[in-house]
Amino acid sequence: MEKRIVEIKGVKMEVDLRTATTIDSFKVGDKVRVLKKQYSDTFKVYSGIITGFVMFKTLPTIVVAYLDVSYNSANIEFININEKTEDVEIAPVTDYDIPWEKANVVESMDREIEKKKHEVRDLEMKKEYFLKCFGMYFEDAVKE
């Protein structure tokens, strides 16, 4: 039997660790780890931050922003966690968690921004080409 002596406000108690439960308390801005189910029985862990609490009368909800980082992108996603949420858990960050390098995440986001800017320029050029070359086609169709 695993037991530990715990002192709470000056009162010492012997706790059976096999049946003890942990109660976590969170506040806005706390760093958390998000465990989210992917496909079938695979799970992925993300770094996240508590961004808010929505105090619905029937279903209080914790709002978490988490960072989905892969080898070529970094996205900020949001998830709402309440008692009906399935396949998602949060836990406080420990001192041993390895945080993402800020510079790497920003660099990845900058690459994504440049990629999207290139896509916008490409679409603008296609639009200009369409108006220049196909505009006359539609003008002829209207005259008939």
Protein backbone atom coordinates (compact mmCIF):
# COMPACT_ATOMS: atom_id res chain seq x y z
CA MET A 1 0.00 0.00 0.00
CA GLU A 2 1.50 3.32 -1.12
CA LYS A 3 0.84 6.07 1.36
CA ARG A 4 2.15 9.57 1.64
CA ILE A 5 1.84 12.12 4.41
CA VAL A 6 0.41 15.37 3.11
CA GLU A 7 0.13 18.60 5.08
CA ILE A 8 -2.67 21.00 4.20
CA LYS A 9 -2.93 24.22 6.20
CA GLY A 10 -1.13 22.66 9.14
CA VAL A 11 -3.17 19.44 9.18
CA LYS A 12 -1.17 16.30 8.39
CA MET A 13 -2.99 13.48 6.64
CA GLU A 14 -1.94 10.08 5.42
CA VAL A 15 -3.14 9.62 1.84
CA ASP A 16 -3.42 6.31 0.00
CA LEU A 17 -1.86 7.14 -3.39
CA ARG A 18 -3.74 4.33 -5.14
CA THR A 19 -7.06 6.08 -4.58
CA ALA A 20 -5.94 9.71 -4.36
CA THR A 21 -7.02 12.09 -7.10
CA THR A 22 -5.42 15.31 -8.21
CA ILE A 23 -7.44 18.49 -8.59
CA ASP A 24 -5.86 20.99 -10.95
CA SER A 25 -6.74 24.65 -10.82
CA PHE A 26 -6.24 26.80 -13.89
CA LYS A 27 -6.41 30.51 -14.63
CA VAL A 28 -6.32 32.50 -17.85
CA GLY A 29 -2.76 32.57 -19.17
CA ASP A 30 -1.69 29.23 -17.66
CA LYS A 31 0.46 27.06 -19.90
CA VAL A 32 -0.98 23.60 -20.49
CA ARG A 33 -0.30 20.45 -22.46
CA VAL A 34 -3.19 19.34 -24.67
CA LEU A 35 -3.61 15.63 -25.39
CA LYS A 36 -5.83 15.24 -28.45
CA LYS A 37 -6.93 12.07 -30.19
CA GLN A 38 -5.96 11.92 -33.85
CA TYR A 39 -7.02 8.83 -35.77
CA SER A 40 -8.19 5.52 -34.32
CA ASP A 41 -6.11 5.11 -31.14
CA THR A 42 -3.32 7.62 -31.75
CA PHE A 43 -2.89 10.74 -29.66
CA LYS A 44 -0.80 13.88 -30.10
CA VAL A 45 0.41 16.32 -27.44
CA TYR A 46 0.35 20.08 -28.09
CA SER A 47 1.55 23.11 -26.16
CA GLY A 48 -1.30 25.40 -25.19
CA ILE A 49 -2.49 28.34 -23.11
CA ILE A 50 -5.77 28.83 -21.26
CA THR A 51 -7.37 31.79 -23.04
CA GLY A 52 -10.66 31.97 -21.21
CA PHE A 53 -13.47 30.46 -19.23
CA VAL A 54 -17.01 30.65 -20.54
CA MET A 55 -19.37 30.28 -17.61
CA PHE A 56 -22.39 28.79 -19.35
CA LYS A 57 -25.03 27.86 -16.79
CA THR A 58 -25.41 24.31 -18.08
CA LEU A 59 -21.95 23.61 -19.50
CA PRO A 60 -19.00 25.66 -18.17
CA THR A 61 -16.24 25.63 -20.77
CA ILE A 62 -12.47 26.20 -20.82
CA VAL A 63 -11.11 27.81 -24.00
CA VAL A 64 -7.58 26.72 -24.91
CA ALA A 65 -5.35 28.01 -27.71
CA TYR A 66 -2.81 25.40 -28.74
CA LEU A 67 0.09 25.37 -31.15
CA ASP A 68 0.04 22.78 -33.92
CA VAL A 69 3.62 22.72 -35.20
CA SER A 70 4.81 20.46 -37.99
CA TYR A 71 7.99 20.45 -40.04
CA ASN A 72 6.67 23.09 -42.44
CA SER A 73 3.95 25.02 -40.60
CA ALA A 74 2.85 26.44 -37.27
CA ASN A 75 -0.85 27.02 -36.66
CA ILE A 76 -2.71 28.32 -33.64
CA GLU A 77 -5.90 26.36 -33.08
CA PHE A 78 -8.63 26.83 -30.46
CA ILE A 79 -10.55 24.16 -28.61
CA ASN A 80 -13.44 24.39 -26.16
CA ILE A 81 -13.22 21.87 -23.33
CA ASN A 82 -16.14 20.95 -21.10
CA GLU A 83 -17.60 17.82 -19.54
CA LYS A 84 -19.01 16.68 -22.91
CA THR A 85 -15.71 17.06 -24.77
CA GLU A 86 -14.34 13.70 -25.82
CA ASP A 87 -10.83 12.63 -26.82
CA VAL A 88 -9.16 15.78 -25.42
CA GLU A 89 -7.41 16.32 -22.08
CA ILE A 90 -5.36 19.14 -20.61
CA ALA A 91 -2.67 19.04 -17.94
CA PRO A 92 -0.48 21.71 -16.39
CA VAL A 93 2.96 22.22 -17.90
CA THR A 94 5.79 20.78 -15.82
CA ASP A 95 9.32 22.10 -15.41
CA TYR A 96 10.53 19.26 -17.64
CA ASP A 97 8.41 20.11 -20.68
CA ILE A 98 10.48 21.35 -23.60
CA PRO A 99 8.86 24.50 -24.99
CA TRP A 100 8.91 25.35 -28.67
CA GLU A 101 11.60 27.76 -29.73
CA LYS A 102 9.86 31.08 -30.35
CA ALA A 103 12.16 31.92 -33.28
CA ASN A 104 11.36 28.62 -35.02
CA VAL A 105 7.60 29.11 -34.67
CA VAL A 106 7.77 32.73 -35.89
CA GLU A 107 9.98 31.67 -38.82
CA SER A 108 7.48 28.97 -39.77
CA MET A 109 4.59 31.44 -39.60
CA ASP A 110 6.58 33.96 -41.69
CA ARG A 111 7.13 31.27 -44.34
CA GLU A 112 3.40 30.55 -44.38
CA ILE A 113 2.62 34.28 -44.73
CA GLU A 114 5.01 34.57 -47.70
CA LYS A 115 3.45 31.49 -49.28
CA LYS A 116 -0.04 33.00 -48.96
CA LYS A 117 1.17 36.36 -50.34
CA HIS A 118 2.58 34.49 -53.34
CA GLU A 119 -0.78 32.74 -53.81
CA VAL A 120 -2.57 36.13 -53.72
CA ARG A 121 -0.16 37.59 -56.31
CA ASP A 122 -0.69 34.54 -58.51
CA LEU A 123 -4.48 34.89 -58.29
CA GLU A 124 -4.29 38.62 -59.06
CA MET A 125 -2.20 37.87 -62.17
CA LYS A 126 -4.71 35.20 -63.28
CA LYS A 127 -7.56 37.65 -62.76
CA GLU A 128 -5.76 40.32 -64.78
CA TYR A 129 -5.10 37.80 -67.57
CA PHE A 130 -8.73 36.68 -67.50
CA LEU A 131 -10.05 40.25 -67.74
CA LYS A 132 -7.59 41.09 -70.53
CA CYS A 133 -8.02 37.98 -72.66
CA PHE A 134 -11.48 36.69 -71.85
CA GLY A 135 -13.18 40.01 -71.18
CA MET A 136 -13.77 40.49 -74.90
CA TYR A 137 -15.37 37.05 -75.15
CA PHE A 138 -18.03 38.02 -72.63
CA GLU A 139 -18.59 41.41 -74.28
CA ASP A 140 -19.30 39.64 -77.59
CA ALA A 141 -21.71 37.25 -75.89
CA VAL A 142 -23.70 40.15 -74.42
CA LYS A 143 -24.08 41.85 -77.84
CA GLU A 144 -25.65 38.74 -79.41
